[in-house]
Amino acid sequence: MYHVVIGVDDDAEHALACVEEVAKLPGEPDEKEVTLVHSFTDNPSGASATQIHSVREAGEFLEDRGIDYDVNESSGDPAEVIIEFADEEDADLIVTAGRKRSPAGKALFGSVTQTVILNSDRPVMVTGSTKRKS
């Protein structure tokens, strides 16, 4: 069995791209344990991670394929939360979705994915976005 940590933001398309790639990993569904990690940077309504559309979509996808998962919610810098959680849980892999950003945008605003790649001692898989057919 291996443990995969997926960083999930508010973008359902990105979340689905991540879980689709995890489902394709070698092994049977019962050999995969997944934790969806959502970090709130601002949460004035007091929502829980399971109320976030992208988290629900990702969870339903995994559930439909027989892959066990749980949800971890936190607050703070998303990249730091993902890395710290993966370290604490001794995860085998971190999965996150990349975004198309200009070089100036990356320099000005940073990137969760870039920070995870550069600062984690664990393997990191970066997915693109998925184009869902209606």
N, C-alpha and C. Protein backbone atom coordinates (compact mmCIF):
# COMPACT_ATOMS: atom_id res chain seq x y z
N MET A 1 0.85 -1.18 0.00
CA MET A 1 0.00 0.00 0.00
C MET A 1 0.89 1.24 0.00
N TYR A 2 0.45 2.23 -0.75
CA TYR A 2 1.18 3.48 -0.67
C TYR A 2 0.22 4.64 -0.44
N HIS A 3 0.77 5.69 0.16
CA HIS A 3 -0.02 6.85 0.57
C HIS A 3 0.32 8.03 -0.32
N VAL A 4 -0.72 8.61 -0.92
CA VAL A 4 -0.56 9.76 -1.81
C VAL A 4 -1.26 10.95 -1.17
N VAL A 5 -0.58 12.08 -1.12
CA VAL A 5 -1.15 13.33 -0.63
C VAL A 5 -1.41 14.21 -1.84
N ILE A 6 -2.65 14.68 -1.96
CA ILE A 6 -3.02 15.55 -3.07
C ILE A 6 -3.39 16.92 -2.52
N GLY A 7 -2.70 17.94 -3.00
CA GLY A 7 -3.06 19.31 -2.64
C GLY A 7 -4.23 19.76 -3.50
N VAL A 8 -5.34 20.14 -2.85
CA VAL A 8 -6.55 20.52 -3.58
C VAL A 8 -6.89 21.97 -3.27
N ASP A 9 -6.93 22.79 -4.32
CA ASP A 9 -7.37 24.17 -4.14
C ASP A 9 -8.85 24.27 -4.49
N ASP A 10 -9.33 25.44 -4.87
CA ASP A 10 -10.75 25.62 -5.17
C ASP A 10 -11.13 25.26 -6.60
N ASP A 11 -10.19 24.83 -7.41
CA ASP A 11 -10.43 24.55 -8.81
C ASP A 11 -10.74 23.06 -9.01
N ALA A 12 -11.99 22.74 -9.30
CA ALA A 12 -12.41 21.34 -9.46
C ALA A 12 -11.70 20.66 -10.63
N GLU A 13 -11.44 21.40 -11.70
CA GLU A 13 -10.74 20.83 -12.85
C GLU A 13 -9.35 20.35 -12.45
N HIS A 14 -8.64 21.14 -11.65
CA HIS A 14 -7.32 20.74 -11.19
C HIS A 14 -7.40 19.54 -10.26
N ALA A 15 -8.38 19.54 -9.37
CA ALA A 15 -8.54 18.42 -8.44
C ALA A 15 -8.82 17.13 -9.20
N LEU A 16 -9.67 17.20 -10.20
CA LEU A 16 -9.98 16.01 -10.99
C LEU A 16 -8.78 15.52 -11.78
N ALA A 17 -7.97 16.43 -12.28
CA ALA A 17 -6.75 16.02 -12.99
C ALA A 17 -5.83 15.24 -12.05
N CYS A 18 -5.73 15.68 -10.82
CA CYS A 18 -4.87 15.00 -9.84
C CYS A 18 -5.39 13.61 -9.52
N VAL A 19 -6.68 13.49 -9.20
CA VAL A 19 -7.20 12.17 -8.82
C VAL A 19 -7.24 11.21 -10.00
N GLU A 20 -7.42 11.72 -11.20
CA GLU A 20 -7.38 10.85 -12.38
C GLU A 20 -6.00 10.22 -12.52
N GLU A 21 -4.95 11.00 -12.30
CA GLU A 21 -3.60 10.46 -12.41
C GLU A 21 -3.31 9.47 -11.28
N VAL A 22 -3.80 9.74 -10.09
CA VAL A 22 -3.61 8.80 -8.98
C VAL A 22 -4.31 7.48 -9.29
N ALA A 23 -5.50 7.55 -9.87
CA ALA A 23 -6.22 6.32 -10.22
C ALA A 23 -5.44 5.49 -11.24
N LYS A 24 -4.63 6.14 -12.08
CA LYS A 24 -3.84 5.45 -13.10
C LYS A 24 -2.55 4.84 -12.55
N LEU A 25 -2.18 5.20 -11.32
CA LEU A 25 -0.94 4.66 -10.75
C LEU A 25 -1.01 3.14 -10.67
N PRO A 26 0.12 2.46 -10.75
CA PRO A 26 0.11 1.00 -10.68
C PRO A 26 -0.52 0.50 -9.40
N GLY A 27 -1.11 -0.67 -9.49
CA GLY A 27 -1.70 -1.29 -8.31
C GLY A 27 -3.21 -1.22 -8.32
N GLU A 28 -3.78 -2.05 -7.49
CA GLU A 28 -5.23 -2.10 -7.34
C GLU A 28 -5.71 -0.92 -6.48
N PRO A 29 -6.99 -0.58 -6.60
CA PRO A 29 -7.52 0.52 -5.79
C PRO A 29 -7.27 0.36 -4.29
N ASP A 30 -7.36 -0.87 -3.78
CA ASP A 30 -7.18 -1.07 -2.34
C ASP A 30 -5.71 -0.99 -1.91
N GLU A 31 -4.81 -0.78 -2.87
CA GLU A 31 -3.40 -0.60 -2.55
C GLU A 31 -3.03 0.88 -2.45
N LYS A 32 -4.01 1.76 -2.65
CA LYS A 32 -3.77 3.20 -2.64
C LYS A 32 -4.56 3.84 -1.50
N GLU A 33 -3.88 4.67 -0.77
CA GLU A 33 -4.51 5.47 0.27
C GLU A 33 -4.24 6.92 -0.09
N VAL A 34 -5.29 7.73 -0.15
CA VAL A 34 -5.16 9.11 -0.60
C VAL A 34 -5.64 10.06 0.49
N THR A 35 -4.91 11.14 0.68
CA THR A 35 -5.39 12.22 1.53
C THR A 35 -5.49 13.47 0.68
N LEU A 36 -6.69 14.05 0.66
CA LEU A 36 -6.92 15.32 -0.02
C LEU A 36 -6.65 16.42 1.01
N VAL A 37 -5.70 17.28 0.71
CA VAL A 37 -5.31 18.34 1.63
C VAL A 37 -5.79 19.68 1.07
N HIS A 38 -6.61 20.36 1.86
CA HIS A 38 -7.08 21.70 1.47
C HIS A 38 -6.69 22.66 2.58
N SER A 39 -6.00 23.73 2.20
CA SER A 39 -5.59 24.74 3.16
C SER A 39 -6.35 26.03 2.89
N PHE A 40 -7.03 26.50 3.91
CA PHE A 40 -7.75 27.76 3.81
C PHE A 40 -6.78 28.91 4.08
N THR A 41 -6.73 29.86 3.15
CA THR A 41 -5.96 31.07 3.41
C THR A 41 -6.89 32.15 3.92
N ASP A 42 -8.18 32.01 3.60
CA ASP A 42 -9.20 32.94 4.08
C ASP A 42 -10.51 32.15 4.12
N ASN A 43 -11.16 32.13 5.26
CA ASN A 43 -12.38 31.33 5.40
C ASN A 43 -13.38 32.06 6.29
N PRO A 44 -13.88 33.20 5.82
CA PRO A 44 -14.79 33.98 6.67
C PRO A 44 -16.12 33.27 6.95
N SER A 45 -16.54 32.36 6.09
CA SER A 45 -17.82 31.68 6.31
C SER A 45 -17.67 30.47 7.23
N GLY A 46 -16.45 30.08 7.55
CA GLY A 46 -16.23 28.94 8.43
C GLY A 46 -16.52 27.60 7.78
N ALA A 47 -16.40 27.52 6.47
CA ALA A 47 -16.66 26.27 5.76
C ALA A 47 -15.63 25.21 6.13
N SER A 48 -16.03 23.95 6.00
CA SER A 48 -15.07 22.86 6.17
C SER A 48 -14.61 22.45 4.77
N ALA A 49 -13.49 21.76 4.71
CA ALA A 49 -12.94 21.35 3.42
C ALA A 49 -13.92 20.47 2.65
N THR A 50 -14.70 19.67 3.34
CA THR A 50 -15.64 18.78 2.65
C THR A 50 -16.80 19.55 2.02
N GLN A 51 -16.92 20.83 2.33
CA GLN A 51 -17.94 21.66 1.70
C GLN A 51 -17.43 22.34 0.43
N ILE A 52 -16.14 22.23 0.16
CA ILE A 52 -15.54 22.85 -1.01
C ILE A 52 -15.81 21.95 -2.22
N HIS A 53 -16.33 22.54 -3.28
CA HIS A 53 -16.74 21.79 -4.47
C HIS A 53 -15.62 20.91 -5.01
N SER A 54 -14.42 21.46 -5.12
CA SER A 54 -13.30 20.70 -5.70
C SER A 54 -12.95 19.49 -4.84
N VAL A 55 -13.04 19.63 -3.53
CA VAL A 55 -12.74 18.52 -2.62
C VAL A 55 -13.82 17.44 -2.76
N ARG A 56 -15.07 17.86 -2.83
CA ARG A 56 -16.17 16.89 -3.00
C ARG A 56 -16.04 16.14 -4.32
N GLU A 57 -15.75 16.86 -5.40
CA GLU A 57 -15.60 16.22 -6.72
C GLU A 57 -14.47 15.20 -6.70
N ALA A 58 -13.34 15.57 -6.13
CA ALA A 58 -12.19 14.65 -6.07
C ALA A 58 -12.54 13.43 -5.23
N GLY A 59 -13.19 13.64 -4.10
CA GLY A 59 -13.59 12.53 -3.24
C GLY A 59 -14.55 11.58 -3.92
N GLU A 60 -15.52 12.13 -4.64
CA GLU A 60 -16.49 11.29 -5.35
C GLU A 60 -15.80 10.46 -6.43
N PHE A 61 -14.85 11.07 -7.13
CA PHE A 61 -14.10 10.35 -8.16
C PHE A 61 -13.37 9.15 -7.54
N LEU A 62 -12.67 9.39 -6.45
CA LEU A 62 -11.93 8.31 -5.79
C LEU A 62 -12.87 7.24 -5.27
N GLU A 63 -13.93 7.67 -4.63
CA GLU A 63 -14.91 6.73 -4.08
C GLU A 63 -15.50 5.83 -5.17
N ASP A 64 -15.83 6.43 -6.31
CA ASP A 64 -16.39 5.66 -7.43
C ASP A 64 -15.43 4.60 -7.94
N ARG A 65 -14.15 4.77 -7.70
CA ARG A 65 -13.14 3.83 -8.17
C ARG A 65 -12.62 2.91 -7.06
N GLY A 66 -13.25 3.00 -5.90
CA GLY A 66 -12.88 2.12 -4.80
C GLY A 66 -11.57 2.46 -4.12
N ILE A 67 -11.14 3.72 -4.23
CA ILE A 67 -9.89 4.16 -3.61
C ILE A 67 -10.22 4.85 -2.29
N ASP A 68 -9.63 4.35 -1.20
CA ASP A 68 -9.85 4.95 0.12
C ASP A 68 -9.21 6.33 0.17
N TYR A 69 -9.92 7.25 0.78
CA TYR A 69 -9.37 8.60 0.92
C TYR A 69 -9.88 9.22 2.21
N ASP A 70 -9.19 10.23 2.64
CA ASP A 70 -9.68 11.08 3.71
C ASP A 70 -9.33 12.52 3.36
N VAL A 71 -9.87 13.43 4.12
CA VAL A 71 -9.69 14.85 3.85
C VAL A 71 -9.01 15.49 5.05
N ASN A 72 -7.99 16.28 4.78
CA ASN A 72 -7.31 17.04 5.82
C ASN A 72 -7.48 18.50 5.50
N GLU A 73 -7.95 19.25 6.47
CA GLU A 73 -8.08 20.69 6.27
C GLU A 73 -7.21 21.42 7.27
N SER A 74 -6.72 22.55 6.82
CA SER A 74 -5.82 23.33 7.64
C SER A 74 -5.95 24.78 7.22
N SER A 75 -5.18 25.62 7.84
CA SER A 75 -5.11 27.01 7.39
C SER A 75 -3.64 27.39 7.34
N GLY A 76 -3.35 28.34 6.50
CA GLY A 76 -1.97 28.78 6.35
C GLY A 76 -1.52 28.68 4.91
N ASP A 77 -0.22 28.79 4.73
CA ASP A 77 0.36 28.73 3.40
C ASP A 77 0.14 27.33 2.82
N PRO A 78 -0.57 27.23 1.69
CA PRO A 78 -0.89 25.91 1.14
C PRO A 78 0.33 25.02 0.89
N ALA A 79 1.39 25.56 0.34
CA ALA A 79 2.58 24.75 0.05
C ALA A 79 3.18 24.20 1.34
N GLU A 80 3.31 25.03 2.34
CA GLU A 80 3.86 24.57 3.62
C GLU A 80 2.98 23.51 4.25
N VAL A 81 1.66 23.71 4.18
CA VAL A 81 0.73 22.73 4.75
C VAL A 81 0.87 21.38 4.06
N ILE A 82 0.93 21.39 2.74
CA ILE A 82 1.06 20.14 1.97
C ILE A 82 2.35 19.42 2.32
N ILE A 83 3.45 20.14 2.33
CA ILE A 83 4.76 19.54 2.62
C ILE A 83 4.80 18.99 4.04
N GLU A 84 4.36 19.78 5.01
CA GLU A 84 4.38 19.34 6.41
C GLU A 84 3.48 18.12 6.61
N PHE A 85 2.30 18.12 6.02
CA PHE A 85 1.41 16.98 6.18
C PHE A 85 2.02 15.73 5.56
N ALA A 86 2.57 15.85 4.36
CA ALA A 86 3.20 14.70 3.70
C ALA A 86 4.36 14.16 4.53
N ASP A 87 5.12 15.04 5.15
CA ASP A 87 6.23 14.60 6.00
C ASP A 87 5.71 13.89 7.25
N GLU A 88 4.72 14.49 7.90
CA GLU A 88 4.16 13.89 9.12
C GLU A 88 3.57 12.51 8.85
N GLU A 89 2.95 12.34 7.70
CA GLU A 89 2.29 11.08 7.36
C GLU A 89 3.21 10.11 6.63
N ASP A 90 4.45 10.52 6.39
CA ASP A 90 5.41 9.71 5.64
C ASP A 90 4.83 9.26 4.29
N ALA A 91 4.22 10.22 3.59
CA ALA A 91 3.59 9.94 2.29
C ALA A 91 4.62 9.49 1.27
N ASP A 92 4.17 8.66 0.35
CA ASP A 92 5.04 8.16 -0.70
C ASP A 92 5.12 9.11 -1.90
N LEU A 93 4.10 9.95 -2.07
CA LEU A 93 4.01 10.82 -3.24
C LEU A 93 3.12 12.01 -2.92
N ILE A 94 3.49 13.17 -3.44
CA ILE A 94 2.65 14.36 -3.39
C ILE A 94 2.19 14.64 -4.81
N VAL A 95 0.91 14.93 -4.97
CA VAL A 95 0.38 15.27 -6.29
C VAL A 95 -0.25 16.66 -6.20
N THR A 96 0.06 17.48 -7.17
CA THR A 96 -0.51 18.82 -7.23
C THR A 96 -0.70 19.19 -8.70
N ALA A 97 -1.58 20.13 -8.95
CA ALA A 97 -1.86 20.56 -10.31
C ALA A 97 -1.06 21.81 -10.64
N GLY A 98 -0.52 21.82 -11.84
CA GLY A 98 0.19 23.00 -12.30
C GLY A 98 -0.79 24.00 -12.90
N ARG A 99 -0.35 25.20 -13.02
CA ARG A 99 -1.14 26.27 -13.64
C ARG A 99 -0.29 26.93 -14.71
N LYS A 100 -0.96 27.42 -15.73
CA LYS A 100 -0.25 28.18 -16.74
C LYS A 100 -0.12 29.61 -16.23
N ARG A 101 1.14 30.04 -16.02
CA ARG A 101 1.38 31.39 -15.54
C ARG A 101 2.56 31.97 -16.30
N SER A 102 2.53 33.25 -16.47
CA SER A 102 3.65 33.91 -17.13
C SER A 102 4.85 33.94 -16.17
N PRO A 103 6.04 34.11 -16.71
CA PRO A 103 7.21 34.21 -15.82
C PRO A 103 7.07 35.37 -14.82
N ALA A 104 6.51 36.48 -15.27
CA ALA A 104 6.31 37.61 -14.35
C ALA A 104 5.30 37.25 -13.26
N GLY A 105 4.26 36.54 -13.63
CA GLY A 105 3.26 36.12 -12.65
C GLY A 105 3.86 35.20 -11.61
N LYS A 106 4.73 34.30 -12.02
CA LYS A 106 5.39 33.41 -11.08
C LYS A 106 6.29 34.18 -10.14
N ALA A 107 7.02 35.16 -10.68
CA ALA A 107 7.94 35.94 -9.85
C ALA A 107 7.19 36.79 -8.84
N LEU A 108 6.07 37.36 -9.26
CA LEU A 108 5.32 38.25 -8.38
C LEU A 108 4.47 37.53 -7.35
N PHE A 109 3.85 36.45 -7.76
CA PHE A 109 2.86 35.82 -6.89
C PHE A 109 3.29 34.47 -6.34
N GLY A 110 4.40 33.92 -6.80
CA GLY A 110 4.83 32.62 -6.33
C GLY A 110 3.94 31.53 -6.88
N SER A 111 4.19 30.32 -6.49
CA SER A 111 3.43 29.20 -6.99
C SER A 111 3.47 28.10 -5.95
N VAL A 112 2.31 27.60 -5.56
CA VAL A 112 2.25 26.50 -4.61
C VAL A 112 2.99 25.30 -5.18
N THR A 113 2.73 24.97 -6.43
CA THR A 113 3.37 23.82 -7.05
C THR A 113 4.88 23.98 -7.06
N GLN A 114 5.35 25.15 -7.47
CA GLN A 114 6.78 25.39 -7.51
C GLN A 114 7.40 25.26 -6.13
N THR A 115 6.75 25.79 -5.12
CA THR A 115 7.27 25.71 -3.76
C THR A 115 7.32 24.27 -3.27
N VAL A 116 6.27 23.50 -3.57
CA VAL A 116 6.25 22.09 -3.16
C VAL A 116 7.39 21.34 -3.84
N ILE A 117 7.57 21.55 -5.14
CA ILE A 117 8.63 20.86 -5.87
C ILE A 117 10.01 21.19 -5.28
N LEU A 118 10.24 22.46 -5.02
CA LEU A 118 11.56 22.89 -4.57
C LEU A 118 11.85 22.56 -3.12
N ASN A 119 10.82 22.41 -2.29
CA ASN A 119 11.05 22.27 -0.85
C ASN A 119 10.69 20.91 -0.26
N SER A 120 10.14 20.03 -1.04
CA SER A 120 9.79 18.72 -0.51
C SER A 120 10.91 17.71 -0.78
N ASP A 121 11.10 16.82 0.19
CA ASP A 121 12.07 15.74 0.01
C ASP A 121 11.40 14.50 -0.59
N ARG A 122 10.11 14.61 -0.89
CA ARG A 122 9.34 13.48 -1.42
C ARG A 122 9.12 13.65 -2.91
N PRO A 123 8.84 12.56 -3.61
CA PRO A 123 8.50 12.69 -5.03
C PRO A 123 7.23 13.53 -5.20
N VAL A 124 7.23 14.36 -6.23
CA VAL A 124 6.09 15.23 -6.51
C VAL A 124 5.66 14.99 -7.96
N MET A 125 4.37 14.70 -8.14
CA MET A 125 3.80 14.57 -9.49
C MET A 125 2.99 15.83 -9.76
N VAL A 126 3.23 16.46 -10.90
CA VAL A 126 2.48 17.64 -11.29
C VAL A 126 1.61 17.28 -12.47
N THR A 127 0.32 17.54 -12.34
CA THR A 127 -0.62 17.25 -13.41
C THR A 127 -0.99 18.52 -14.14
N GLY A 128 -1.46 18.37 -15.35
CA GLY A 128 -2.05 19.49 -16.08
C GLY A 128 -3.52 19.54 -15.73
N SER A 129 -4.26 20.35 -16.41
CA SER A 129 -5.71 20.38 -16.18
C SER A 129 -6.34 19.33 -17.07
N THR A 130 -7.54 18.95 -16.72
CA THR A 130 -8.28 17.95 -17.49
C THR A 130 -9.40 18.63 -18.23
N LYS A 131 -9.70 18.16 -19.39
CA LYS A 131 -10.82 18.68 -20.16
C LYS A 131 -11.93 17.64 -20.12
N ARG A 132 -12.93 17.89 -19.30
CA ARG A 132 -14.04 16.96 -19.11
C ARG A 132 -15.01 17.07 -20.28
N LYS A 133 -15.46 15.93 -20.78
CA LYS A 133 -16.45 15.93 -21.84
C LYS A 133 -17.84 15.91 -21.23
N SER A 134 -18.74 16.67 -21.81
CA SER A 134 -20.10 16.75 -21.27
C SER A 134 -20.89 15.52 -21.62
